[in-house]
Amino acid sequence: MKSLENLRWVQRWVSHLGCVKGCLNYLGIDVSDGWLYGGTGHAFVLNMSDDGSCPSGPTAWNHTMLTTLGTLLGYRTTVVAGSKHEGELEAAQERAWEFVRRSIDDGTPCYGWELDVPEYYVIFGYDETGYRYTGPACSGGSGTKPWRELGDTGIGLLEVCAVTPSDPADDATTVRAALTSALEMAGGSPKWVLPDYVAGLAAYDVWIRALEQGASARFGFCYNAEVWAECGGEAASLCDEALGFYNEVSESLEKVRVAYPFSTEHTMDPIAVDDKSREAVANLGRAREAEEKGLAVLARIVEEIDAKVRVRS
């Protein structure tokens, strides 16, 4: 077995960034959580299935935003991907297996999608049969994922990534790029948002509507609450002018999370329409209103950065 000592996942609800953080720690690249979430744009993302209850919202959007913007923060992500549904899985599995082994042999940390449940996992090594990994539900490490099984799931997506150092950009360039992408996604741009999903203020609307009508699946609703509360907390740390609005977003989403904590029990039970759900609806409404004001501030920040650039040029 070949492994990279001390390479482990950092526990986060946003498992993708938990993996990136673990890889950065291994490489000795110091990027704070606020800068990582904010600089990749993820802190300002709110993505939801159009029924408001599916747990896929936090992961079902175009993640090239994260890999592209990450280069501005001081790391580069190289991706090998494939799809079972496009009839290319076997070839993609072979490419991924060769790529990860070569990367680990070179001392390069890796991570990948759905080595266990549909989340991201750090790949800290391999043996003769497959990948050794750490992540959600197995922070200390788990068994081996046979390399010929990667991507062979109902979702059917294969993705492995290697993380290497890059030269970081200046702060203004990083902030402008992150906020521009976040504003595009909040506006529902198909560049980032997939069919049957909504983002930004529209995501709040479907989330609120699902709760008002009695969310059909507790698992998905509670999982969304955990992920987006984590992102809201990180958003509040990035831009001083928007701090008040995103603090309100964070505080309101945290109240929803506390009211409906994630659990693996009774996952298919609906959420009743009662005083607790009505209070959660009110908190989501407050978060939506604050988010709308915060997004307006972010747009002004981008405009101010552009104006300064024009003056210097």
Protein backbone atom coordinates (compact mmCIF):
# COMPACT_ATOMS: atom_id res chain seq x y z
CA MET A 1 0.00 0.00 0.00
CA LYS A 2 1.16 3.54 -0.81
CA SER A 3 -0.13 6.40 1.34
CA LEU A 4 0.57 10.03 2.22
CA GLU A 5 1.00 10.34 5.97
CA ASN A 6 -1.17 12.95 7.71
CA LEU A 7 -3.32 13.62 4.64
CA ARG A 8 -6.88 13.65 5.93
CA TRP A 9 -10.23 15.25 5.22
CA VAL A 10 -11.20 18.28 7.32
CA GLN A 11 -14.74 17.79 8.59
CA ARG A 12 -17.09 20.21 6.88
CA TRP A 13 -20.70 20.02 5.70
CA VAL A 14 -19.40 21.28 2.36
CA SER A 15 -17.40 18.10 1.81
CA HIS A 16 -15.79 19.46 -1.37
CA LEU A 17 -14.10 22.28 0.53
CA GLY A 18 -13.37 19.95 3.45
CA CYS A 19 -11.32 17.89 1.00
CA VAL A 20 -9.61 20.95 -0.47
CA LYS A 21 -8.79 22.17 3.04
CA GLY A 22 -7.28 18.79 3.92
CA CYS A 23 -5.14 18.85 0.79
CA LEU A 24 -4.01 22.43 1.49
CA ASN A 25 -3.09 21.51 5.06
CA TYR A 26 -1.00 18.64 3.75
CA LEU A 27 0.78 20.94 1.29
CA GLY A 28 1.38 23.59 3.96
CA ILE A 29 -0.70 26.20 2.11
CA ASP A 30 -2.34 28.48 4.68
CA VAL A 31 -5.79 29.52 3.51
CA SER A 32 -8.35 30.44 6.17
CA ASP A 33 -11.86 28.99 5.99
CA GLY A 34 -13.34 32.42 5.32
CA TRP A 35 -10.94 33.06 2.44
CA LEU A 36 -11.44 29.54 1.05
CA TYR A 37 -15.24 29.69 1.13
CA GLY A 38 -15.35 33.32 0.01
CA GLY A 39 -12.56 33.21 -2.56
CA THR A 40 -14.09 30.20 -4.32
CA GLY A 41 -17.50 31.88 -4.31
CA HIS A 42 -19.05 29.01 -2.32
CA ALA A 43 -19.85 31.21 0.68
CA PHE A 44 -22.40 33.06 -1.44
CA VAL A 45 -23.94 30.02 -3.14
CA LEU A 46 -27.46 28.84 -2.34
CA ASN A 47 -28.58 26.10 -4.69
CA MET A 48 -31.79 24.12 -4.34
CA SER A 49 -33.74 21.51 -6.27
CA ASP A 50 -36.95 22.95 -7.62
CA ASP A 51 -38.98 20.93 -5.07
CA GLY A 52 -37.02 22.38 -2.13
CA SER A 53 -36.52 19.03 -0.35
CA CYS A 54 -33.88 17.08 -2.28
CA PRO A 55 -30.47 16.70 -0.56
CA SER A 56 -28.68 17.10 -3.91
CA GLY A 57 -28.83 20.91 -3.91
CA PRO A 58 -25.46 21.52 -2.21
CA THR A 59 -23.57 19.37 -4.74
CA ALA A 60 -25.63 19.49 -7.95
CA TRP A 61 -24.23 22.58 -9.66
CA ASN A 62 -21.22 23.37 -11.85
CA HIS A 63 -18.26 23.04 -9.50
CA THR A 64 -15.77 24.35 -12.02
CA MET A 65 -16.36 27.64 -10.21
CA LEU A 66 -14.44 26.22 -7.25
CA THR A 67 -11.57 24.74 -9.24
CA THR A 68 -11.15 27.84 -11.43
CA LEU A 69 -11.24 30.35 -8.58
CA GLY A 70 -9.02 28.18 -6.42
CA THR A 71 -6.05 29.02 -8.63
CA LEU A 72 -6.34 32.62 -7.39
CA LEU A 73 -6.03 31.44 -3.78
CA GLY A 74 -2.75 29.61 -4.24
CA TYR A 75 -3.64 26.11 -5.40
CA ARG A 76 -4.43 24.40 -8.67
CA THR A 77 -6.87 21.52 -9.14
CA THR A 78 -6.35 19.02 -11.93
CA VAL A 79 -9.46 16.96 -12.66
CA VAL A 80 -10.08 13.60 -14.32
CA ALA A 81 -13.78 13.00 -14.91
CA GLY A 82 -16.19 10.73 -16.75
CA SER A 83 -19.81 9.60 -16.86
CA LYS A 84 -21.42 6.20 -16.68
CA HIS A 85 -24.37 7.54 -18.64
CA GLU A 86 -22.20 8.56 -21.59
CA GLY A 87 -20.81 5.04 -22.01
CA GLU A 88 -17.27 5.99 -21.07
CA LEU A 89 -17.04 4.73 -17.51
CA GLU A 90 -14.50 1.93 -17.98
CA ALA A 91 -12.03 4.17 -19.80
CA ALA A 92 -12.54 6.93 -17.20
CA GLN A 93 -11.95 4.47 -14.37
CA GLU A 94 -8.62 3.46 -15.92
CA ARG A 95 -7.59 7.11 -16.43
CA ALA A 96 -8.52 7.97 -12.85
CA TRP A 97 -6.70 4.97 -11.38
CA GLU A 98 -3.49 5.76 -13.26
CA PHE A 99 -3.78 9.48 -12.46
CA VAL A 100 -4.30 9.02 -8.71
CA ARG A 101 -1.53 6.47 -8.32
CA ARG A 102 0.91 8.70 -10.18
CA SER A 103 -0.14 11.70 -8.08
CA ILE A 104 0.18 9.87 -4.76
CA ASP A 105 3.57 8.51 -5.84
CA ASP A 106 4.68 12.10 -6.50
CA GLY A 107 3.42 13.24 -3.07
CA THR A 108 0.42 15.09 -4.47
CA PRO A 109 -2.81 14.96 -2.41
CA CYS A 110 -6.01 13.89 -4.16
CA TYR A 111 -9.73 13.79 -3.57
CA GLY A 112 -12.72 12.38 -5.41
CA TRP A 113 -16.48 12.10 -5.67
CA GLU A 114 -18.65 9.34 -4.17
CA LEU A 115 -16.08 6.91 -2.85
CA ASP A 116 -18.84 6.10 -0.37
CA VAL A 117 -22.01 8.22 -0.11
CA PRO A 118 -22.63 11.04 -2.64
CA GLU A 119 -20.04 13.41 -1.15
CA TYR A 120 -16.38 14.25 -1.69
CA TYR A 121 -13.55 12.26 -0.05
CA VAL A 122 -9.82 12.81 0.32
CA ILE A 123 -7.80 10.01 -1.29
CA PHE A 124 -4.76 9.55 0.90
CA GLY A 125 -3.39 6.38 -0.69
CA TYR A 126 -3.99 3.21 -2.63
CA ASP A 127 -3.32 -0.51 -2.49
CA GLU A 128 -3.37 -3.19 -5.15
CA THR A 129 -7.17 -3.11 -5.42
CA GLY A 130 -8.22 0.51 -5.07
CA TYR A 131 -8.34 3.83 -3.27
CA ARG A 132 -7.83 4.52 0.43
CA TYR A 133 -9.97 7.44 1.50
CA THR A 134 -11.23 9.63 4.33
CA GLY A 135 -14.34 11.81 4.47
CA PRO A 136 -17.97 11.95 5.61
CA ALA A 137 -18.70 9.15 8.11
CA CYS A 138 -15.06 7.98 7.99
CA SER A 139 -12.85 10.89 9.06
CA GLY A 140 -10.14 8.57 10.35
CA GLY A 141 -10.02 6.57 7.14
CA SER A 142 -11.99 3.66 5.77
CA GLY A 143 -11.43 0.51 3.79
CA THR A 144 -10.50 0.35 0.14
CA LYS A 145 -12.72 1.51 -2.70
CA PRO A 146 -12.12 -0.87 -5.65
CA TRP A 147 -10.99 1.29 -8.52
CA ARG A 148 -13.26 -0.50 -10.99
CA GLU A 149 -16.30 0.49 -8.90
CA LEU A 150 -15.66 4.24 -8.90
CA GLY A 151 -18.51 6.05 -10.68
CA ASP A 152 -20.57 2.87 -11.06
CA THR A 153 -23.53 4.26 -9.11
CA GLY A 154 -27.00 5.61 -9.76
CA ILE A 155 -25.57 9.10 -10.12
CA GLY A 156 -22.91 7.67 -12.41
CA LEU A 157 -20.35 10.46 -12.23
CA LEU A 158 -16.63 9.83 -11.81
CA GLU A 159 -14.37 12.63 -10.63
CA VAL A 160 -10.91 12.58 -9.07
CA CYS A 161 -8.77 15.64 -8.44
CA ALA A 162 -5.15 16.40 -7.55
CA VAL A 163 -4.18 19.59 -5.71
CA THR A 164 -0.87 21.37 -6.30
CA PRO A 165 0.47 24.81 -5.31
CA SER A 166 0.05 27.86 -7.55
CA ASP A 167 0.94 31.54 -7.25
CA PRO A 168 -1.95 33.40 -5.56
CA ALA A 169 -3.46 36.48 -7.16
CA ASP A 170 -3.76 39.84 -5.44
CA ASP A 171 -6.75 40.28 -3.12
CA ALA A 172 -8.69 42.62 -5.42
CA THR A 173 -8.48 40.19 -8.34
CA THR A 174 -9.56 37.30 -6.13
CA VAL A 175 -12.51 39.14 -4.61
CA ARG A 176 -13.72 40.47 -7.95
CA ALA A 177 -13.62 37.04 -9.60
CA ALA A 178 -15.34 35.32 -6.66
CA LEU A 179 -18.11 37.90 -6.34
CA THR A 180 -18.70 38.02 -10.10
CA SER A 181 -19.20 34.26 -10.22
CA ALA A 182 -21.37 34.31 -7.11
CA LEU A 183 -23.57 37.05 -8.57
CA GLU A 184 -23.89 35.10 -11.82
CA MET A 185 -25.04 32.04 -9.93
CA ALA A 186 -27.41 34.01 -7.71
CA GLY A 187 -28.95 35.33 -10.92
CA GLY A 188 -29.61 31.78 -12.13
CA SER A 189 -26.97 31.69 -14.86
CA PRO A 190 -27.00 28.32 -16.69
CA LYS A 191 -23.22 28.65 -16.64
CA TRP A 192 -23.44 27.41 -13.03
CA VAL A 193 -27.02 26.30 -12.34
CA LEU A 194 -28.25 22.94 -13.66
CA PRO A 195 -31.72 22.20 -15.09
CA ASP A 196 -34.35 21.49 -12.41
CA TYR A 197 -32.42 23.57 -9.87
CA VAL A 198 -32.63 27.19 -8.77
CA ALA A 199 -30.13 29.43 -7.02
CA GLY A 200 -29.94 32.65 -5.06
CA LEU A 201 -33.17 34.34 -4.03
CA ALA A 202 -35.20 31.89 -6.11
CA ALA A 203 -33.73 29.07 -4.01
CA TYR A 204 -34.98 30.77 -0.87
CA ASP A 205 -38.44 30.95 -2.43
CA VAL A 206 -38.67 27.21 -3.17
CA TRP A 207 -37.17 26.38 0.24
CA ILE A 208 -39.75 28.55 1.98
CA ARG A 209 -42.58 27.15 -0.12
CA ALA A 210 -41.54 23.58 0.65
CA LEU A 211 -41.62 24.28 4.38
CA GLU A 212 -44.92 26.16 4.23
CA GLN A 213 -46.50 23.16 2.53
CA GLY A 214 -44.83 20.58 4.78
CA ALA A 215 -41.47 19.45 3.38
CA SER A 216 -41.88 15.94 1.99
CA ALA A 217 -38.49 14.60 3.11
CA ARG A 218 -36.88 15.57 6.41
CA PHE A 219 -33.46 14.25 5.34
CA GLY A 220 -33.07 16.62 2.41
CA PHE A 221 -34.47 19.65 4.20
CA CYS A 222 -32.21 19.20 7.24
CA TYR A 223 -29.13 18.48 5.13
CA ASN A 224 -29.66 21.69 3.15
CA ALA A 225 -30.04 23.60 6.41
CA GLU A 226 -26.69 22.31 7.71
CA VAL A 227 -24.76 23.07 4.50
CA TRP A 228 -26.17 26.51 3.80
CA ALA A 229 -25.84 27.57 7.46
CA GLU A 230 -22.13 26.69 7.26
CA CYS A 231 -21.74 28.74 4.07
CA GLY A 232 -23.62 31.69 5.55
CA GLY A 233 -21.24 31.80 8.49
CA GLU A 234 -18.23 31.97 6.18
CA ALA A 235 -19.83 34.60 3.94
CA ALA A 236 -20.11 36.95 6.89
CA SER A 237 -16.32 37.02 7.32
CA LEU A 238 -15.32 38.22 3.84
CA CYS A 239 -16.53 41.75 3.11
CA ASP A 240 -16.85 44.40 5.80
CA GLU A 241 -19.56 46.41 4.07
CA ALA A 242 -21.74 43.35 3.59
CA LEU A 243 -20.96 42.01 7.06
CA GLY A 244 -24.20 43.13 8.69
CA PHE A 245 -26.39 41.58 6.02
CA TYR A 246 -24.52 38.29 5.91
CA ASN A 247 -24.43 38.12 9.70
CA GLU A 248 -28.22 38.26 9.56
CA VAL A 249 -28.25 35.57 6.87
CA SER A 250 -25.98 33.42 9.02
CA GLU A 251 -27.98 33.94 12.21
CA SER A 252 -31.31 33.23 10.50
CA LEU A 253 -30.07 30.06 8.78
CA GLU A 254 -28.48 28.90 12.02
CA LYS A 255 -31.89 29.12 13.70
CA VAL A 256 -33.36 26.96 10.94
CA ARG A 257 -30.52 24.47 11.34
CA VAL A 258 -31.03 24.28 15.10
CA ALA A 259 -34.78 23.80 14.66
CA TYR A 260 -34.25 20.98 12.15
CA PRO A 261 -30.88 19.32 12.90
CA PHE A 262 -29.61 16.72 10.49
CA SER A 263 -30.17 13.11 11.54
CA THR A 264 -30.03 9.73 9.85
CA GLU A 265 -33.17 8.66 11.71
CA HIS A 266 -36.71 9.14 10.35
CA THR A 267 -35.23 10.49 7.14
CA MET A 268 -38.37 10.01 5.06
CA ASP A 269 -40.74 11.53 7.60
CA PRO A 270 -42.39 14.73 6.37
CA ILE A 271 -42.01 17.98 8.27
CA ALA A 272 -45.30 19.03 9.82
CA VAL A 273 -46.75 22.49 9.31
CA ASP A 274 -46.80 23.80 12.87
CA ASP A 275 -45.50 26.67 14.99
CA LYS A 276 -41.91 25.47 14.62
CA SER A 277 -42.10 25.29 10.84
CA ARG A 278 -43.81 28.68 10.68
CA GLU A 279 -40.98 30.18 12.73
CA ALA A 280 -38.47 28.54 10.37
CA VAL A 281 -40.31 30.07 7.41
CA ALA A 282 -40.01 33.48 9.08
CA ASN A 283 -36.28 32.94 9.59
CA LEU A 284 -35.82 31.90 5.96
CA GLY A 285 -37.71 35.03 4.94
CA ARG A 286 -35.38 37.17 7.03
CA ALA A 287 -32.37 35.40 5.53
CA ARG A 288 -33.72 35.98 2.03
CA GLU A 289 -34.27 39.69 2.65
CA ALA A 290 -30.78 40.11 4.09
CA GLU A 291 -29.26 38.09 1.23
CA GLU A 292 -30.94 40.36 -1.31
CA LYS A 293 -29.39 43.41 0.34
CA GLY A 294 -26.04 41.65 0.66
CA LEU A 295 -25.99 40.73 -3.03
CA ALA A 296 -26.58 44.37 -3.91
CA VAL A 297 -23.54 45.31 -1.82
CA LEU A 298 -21.44 42.62 -3.55
CA ALA A 299 -22.42 44.04 -6.93
CA ARG A 300 -21.27 47.50 -5.80
CA ILE A 301 -17.97 46.06 -4.59
CA VAL A 302 -17.34 44.58 -8.05
CA GLU A 303 -18.20 47.93 -9.64
CA GLU A 304 -15.79 49.77 -7.32
CA ILE A 305 -12.96 47.32 -8.09
CA ASP A 306 -13.59 47.76 -11.82
CA ALA A 307 -13.57 51.54 -11.45
CA LYS A 308 -10.23 51.49 -9.64
CA VAL A 309 -8.76 49.25 -12.31
CA ARG A 310 -9.91 51.65 -15.03
CA VAL A 311 -8.34 54.58 -13.19
CA ARG A 312 -4.98 52.81 -12.84
CA SER A 313 -4.99 51.78 -16.50
